[in-house]
Protein backbone atom coordinates (compact mmCIF):
# COMPACT_ATOMS: atom_id res chain seq x y z
CA MET A 1 -0.27 0.26 0.11
CA ARG A 2 2.88 2.35 0.82
CA ARG A 3 4.60 1.77 -2.44
CA ILE A 4 1.17 2.47 -4.25
CA ALA A 5 1.11 5.66 -2.18
CA SER A 6 4.48 6.40 -3.05
CA LEU A 7 3.96 5.94 -6.59
CA ILE A 8 0.71 8.25 -7.18
CA ALA A 9 2.99 10.71 -5.14
CA GLY A 10 5.31 10.93 -7.97
CA CYS A 11 3.30 10.98 -10.77
CA LEU A 12 1.59 13.81 -9.41
CA VAL A 13 5.05 15.83 -8.87
CA PHE A 14 5.44 14.80 -12.43
CA VAL A 15 2.14 16.50 -13.59
CA CYS A 16 2.66 19.29 -11.45
CA ALA A 17 6.19 19.77 -13.01
CA GLY A 18 5.14 19.40 -16.50
CA THR A 19 2.41 22.48 -16.11
CA ALA A 20 5.00 24.41 -14.45
CA VAL A 21 7.18 24.47 -17.28
CA SER A 22 4.81 24.70 -20.00
CA ALA A 23 6.47 28.22 -21.22
CA LEU A 24 4.22 29.34 -24.37
CA HIS A 25 0.10 29.80 -22.99
CA ILE A 26 -2.52 30.52 -25.53
CA GLU A 27 -6.08 31.90 -25.15
CA VAL A 28 -8.42 31.83 -27.85
CA THR A 29 -11.83 33.54 -27.79
CA SER A 30 -14.44 34.44 -30.53
CA ASP A 31 -16.79 37.22 -31.04
CA VAL A 32 -19.56 34.82 -31.91
CA ASP A 33 -20.12 31.21 -30.71
CA PRO A 34 -17.73 28.86 -33.01
CA LEU A 35 -20.47 26.23 -33.05
CA ARG A 36 -23.27 28.47 -34.33
CA LEU A 37 -21.71 29.66 -37.33
CA ILE A 38 -23.89 30.98 -40.17
CA PRO A 39 -23.03 31.18 -43.81
CA ASP A 40 -21.84 34.74 -45.43
CA SER A 41 -20.77 35.76 -42.12
CA ASP A 42 -17.70 36.56 -40.48
CA VAL A 43 -16.35 35.35 -36.84
CA THR A 44 -13.02 37.01 -35.37
CA PHE A 45 -11.04 34.95 -33.25
CA THR A 46 -8.79 36.69 -30.58
CA ILE A 47 -5.69 34.85 -30.24
CA THR A 48 -3.36 35.84 -26.56
CA LEU A 49 -0.10 34.84 -26.02
CA THR A 50 1.50 34.94 -22.52
CA THR A 51 4.76 33.34 -21.14
CA ASP A 52 5.78 32.62 -17.68
CA LEU A 53 9.08 34.65 -17.66
CA PRO A 54 10.37 37.58 -19.62
CA GLY A 55 13.19 36.58 -21.88
CA GLU A 56 12.25 32.94 -22.29
CA ALA A 57 11.28 33.23 -25.82
CA ARG A 58 13.76 32.32 -28.61
CA GLY A 59 11.55 31.52 -31.77
CA LEU A 60 7.84 31.08 -32.57
CA THR A 61 5.52 30.18 -35.67
CA LEU A 62 2.03 30.37 -34.83
CA ARG A 63 -0.57 29.07 -37.43
CA ALA A 64 -4.10 28.53 -37.35
CA ALA A 65 -5.11 25.17 -39.22
CA GLY A 66 -7.84 23.08 -40.28
CA LEU A 67 -9.99 25.81 -42.18
CA GLY A 68 -11.30 23.32 -44.51
CA ASP A 69 -14.09 24.08 -47.31
CA ASP A 70 -16.37 25.86 -44.74
CA LEU A 71 -13.88 28.75 -43.81
CA ALA A 72 -11.68 31.23 -45.70
CA PHE A 73 -9.27 33.79 -44.49
CA ARG A 74 -10.51 37.65 -44.56
CA SER A 75 -8.11 39.43 -42.41
CA ALA A 76 -5.81 39.44 -39.32
CA THR A 77 -3.56 41.51 -37.23
CA VAL A 78 -0.39 40.87 -35.57
CA PRO A 79 1.05 42.79 -32.41
CA ASN A 80 3.37 45.60 -33.63
CA PHE A 81 3.17 44.76 -36.98
CA GLY A 82 4.45 47.29 -39.41
CA GLY A 83 5.84 49.58 -36.98
CA PRO A 84 9.09 51.92 -38.01
CA GLY A 85 11.82 49.65 -35.79
CA SER A 86 10.04 46.62 -36.69
CA PRO A 87 8.95 46.49 -40.52
CA ASN A 88 7.99 42.57 -40.08
CA GLY A 89 6.24 42.99 -37.17
CA GLU A 90 7.85 41.80 -33.55
CA ILE A 91 6.29 40.13 -30.46
CA PHE A 92 7.25 39.72 -26.64
CA GLY A 93 9.12 42.94 -27.04
CA ARG A 94 9.38 46.45 -25.01
CA ASP A 95 8.06 49.26 -26.60
CA ILE A 96 10.05 52.26 -26.37
CA GLY A 97 8.12 54.51 -28.35
CA PHE A 98 7.61 55.92 -31.77
CA GLY A 99 7.11 52.19 -33.18
CA PHE A 100 10.18 50.89 -32.10
CA ILE A 101 10.03 47.54 -30.42
CA SER A 102 13.35 46.30 -28.46
CA ASP A 103 14.53 42.75 -27.44
CA GLY A 104 11.36 40.87 -29.13
CA ILE A 105 11.01 37.92 -31.81
CA GLU A 106 11.06 39.40 -35.20
CA SER A 107 9.08 37.90 -37.74
CA VAL A 108 10.59 36.77 -41.29
CA LEU A 109 7.09 36.94 -42.86
CA PRO A 110 5.74 40.04 -44.65
CA GLY A 111 2.32 39.81 -43.01
CA PRO A 112 0.01 36.65 -42.50
CA ILE A 113 0.01 34.09 -45.04
CA ASP A 114 -3.14 32.20 -46.40
CA ASN A 115 -2.41 28.89 -47.38
CA GLY A 116 -5.67 27.86 -48.06
CA ASP A 117 -6.50 25.26 -45.23
CA ASN A 118 -4.18 27.19 -42.84
CA VAL A 119 -2.91 30.63 -42.04
CA VAL A 120 0.40 31.40 -40.75
CA LEU A 121 -0.15 34.39 -38.25
CA PHE A 122 3.66 34.73 -37.36
CA ASP A 123 6.91 33.17 -37.78
CA GLY A 124 10.07 34.67 -36.22
CA VAL A 125 13.11 34.32 -34.07
CA SER A 126 15.01 36.12 -31.39
CA THR A 127 18.60 36.49 -31.02
CA LEU A 128 18.93 38.52 -28.15
CA GLY A 129 16.24 37.14 -25.99
CA THR A 130 12.74 38.93 -25.33
CA TYR A 131 12.01 41.61 -23.06
CA SER A 132 8.31 41.00 -21.68
CA ALA A 133 6.09 37.85 -21.29
CA GLY A 134 2.96 39.15 -22.71
CA PRO A 135 0.30 39.33 -23.31
CA GLU A 136 0.61 39.49 -27.24
CA VAL A 137 -2.77 39.72 -28.72
CA PHE A 138 -3.13 38.57 -32.36
CA THR A 139 -6.74 38.66 -34.28
CA LEU A 140 -8.04 36.31 -37.54
CA THR A 141 -11.09 37.18 -39.25
CA LEU A 142 -12.62 34.14 -41.06
CA ARG A 143 -15.52 33.99 -43.67
CA VAL A 144 -17.74 31.20 -43.17
CA ILE A 145 -18.33 30.16 -47.00
CA GLY A 146 -19.85 26.48 -46.67
CA PHE A 147 -21.76 24.07 -44.25
CA GLY A 148 -19.78 21.77 -42.20
CA ALA A 149 -17.98 21.32 -38.92
CA GLY A 150 -14.42 20.61 -37.74
CA ALA A 151 -11.69 22.20 -35.39
CA ILE A 152 -9.45 24.98 -35.95
CA GLU A 153 -6.23 24.13 -34.52
CA VAL A 154 -4.18 27.23 -33.46
CA GLY A 155 -0.50 27.20 -32.27
CA ALA A 156 2.87 25.54 -32.94
CA LEU A 157 1.93 22.69 -34.52
CA ARG A 158 3.91 19.76 -34.84
CA PRO A 159 2.50 18.47 -38.45
CA PHE A 160 3.85 21.78 -39.90
CA GLY A 161 7.32 21.53 -38.50
CA ASP A 162 6.20 24.76 -36.47
CA ALA A 163 7.38 25.02 -33.04
CA TYR A 164 7.91 27.26 -29.80
CA VAL A 165 11.56 27.35 -28.72
CA SER A 166 12.37 28.83 -25.52
CA ASP A 167 14.99 28.86 -23.04
CA VAL A 168 12.61 27.12 -20.06
CA ASP A 169 11.44 23.89 -21.99
CA GLY A 170 13.53 23.86 -24.96
CA THR A 171 11.11 23.19 -27.83
CA SER A 172 7.48 22.56 -27.65
CA TYR A 173 4.35 22.52 -29.94
CA PRO A 174 1.70 24.02 -27.70
CA VAL A 175 -1.76 24.20 -29.64
CA VAL A 176 -5.51 24.92 -28.65
CA SER A 177 -8.13 23.38 -30.68
CA ILE A 178 -11.52 25.05 -31.37
CA PRO A 179 -14.37 23.08 -32.63
CA TYR A 180 -16.78 24.99 -35.21
CA ALA A 181 -20.28 24.17 -36.76
CA VAL A 182 -22.02 25.87 -39.45
CA SER A 183 -25.61 25.58 -38.73
CA GLY A 184 -27.32 27.99 -41.18
CA ILE A 185 -29.92 28.60 -38.76
CA LEU A 186 -30.60 32.21 -37.85
CA GLU A 187 -31.40 32.61 -34.25
CA PRO A 188 -34.81 35.02 -33.96
CA GLY A 189 -33.79 38.45 -32.52
CA PRO A 190 -35.88 40.12 -29.63
CA ALA A 191 -37.65 42.42 -32.20
CA LEU A 192 -39.19 39.26 -34.34
CA LEU A 193 -39.94 37.68 -30.95
CA VAL A 194 -42.15 40.61 -29.80
CA GLY A 195 -43.47 40.69 -33.21
CA LEU A 196 -44.54 37.16 -33.25
CA GLY A 197 -45.94 37.42 -29.79
CA LEU A 198 -48.19 40.79 -30.76
CA THR A 199 -49.51 38.87 -33.77
CA TRP A 200 -50.13 35.97 -31.69
CA LEU A 201 -52.11 38.54 -28.92
CA GLY A 202 -53.86 39.89 -31.37
CA ALA A 203 -55.16 36.74 -32.89
CA VAL A 204 -56.18 35.24 -29.55
CA GLY A 205 -57.69 38.41 -29.08
CA ARG A 206 -59.80 38.96 -32.07
CA PRO A 207 -63.57 38.39 -31.14
CA ARG A 208 -65.01 35.44 -33.12
């Protein structure tokens, strides 16, 4: 029994230690429910990146994959993108004013790249180490063009050879999966519901 308890305690310590060295944290939210998408509409995902410690990031590729035939790239924004001091964009840096970012990951991309079923939002490397631990906020807007369901994978994806490289846990492939579904059913708005209610009341109250 004591041997089993020791084994369980050892496993718990391992799990906690594994969580503690998870260097890059990815949070994704959307402006509409991704499980109730409607054709010919847009959905915008806000992607927030943070790290455990300043200075740990050395390289990052951030990609959104799995768009399939239901979704198409519309637009994206990248932190500090296009500033005079960082013409290709930098993240996890220190804003020293006038568009200049110091000690960040400098992107090697001219901008977000649409590959059809995936979008590369950022791809870069740091030679000096990074200054801040975030948060760094990206946005990705997609157009709903068909019916179907699936999952969008956001992060550093091993199938593409993408990775997050840091001084904390070396190379890792953090990813967040966002299920989506296109139903094509438009829920009635408040005005429509009120109108239907008044119509019903009028029909009920009409003398026979």
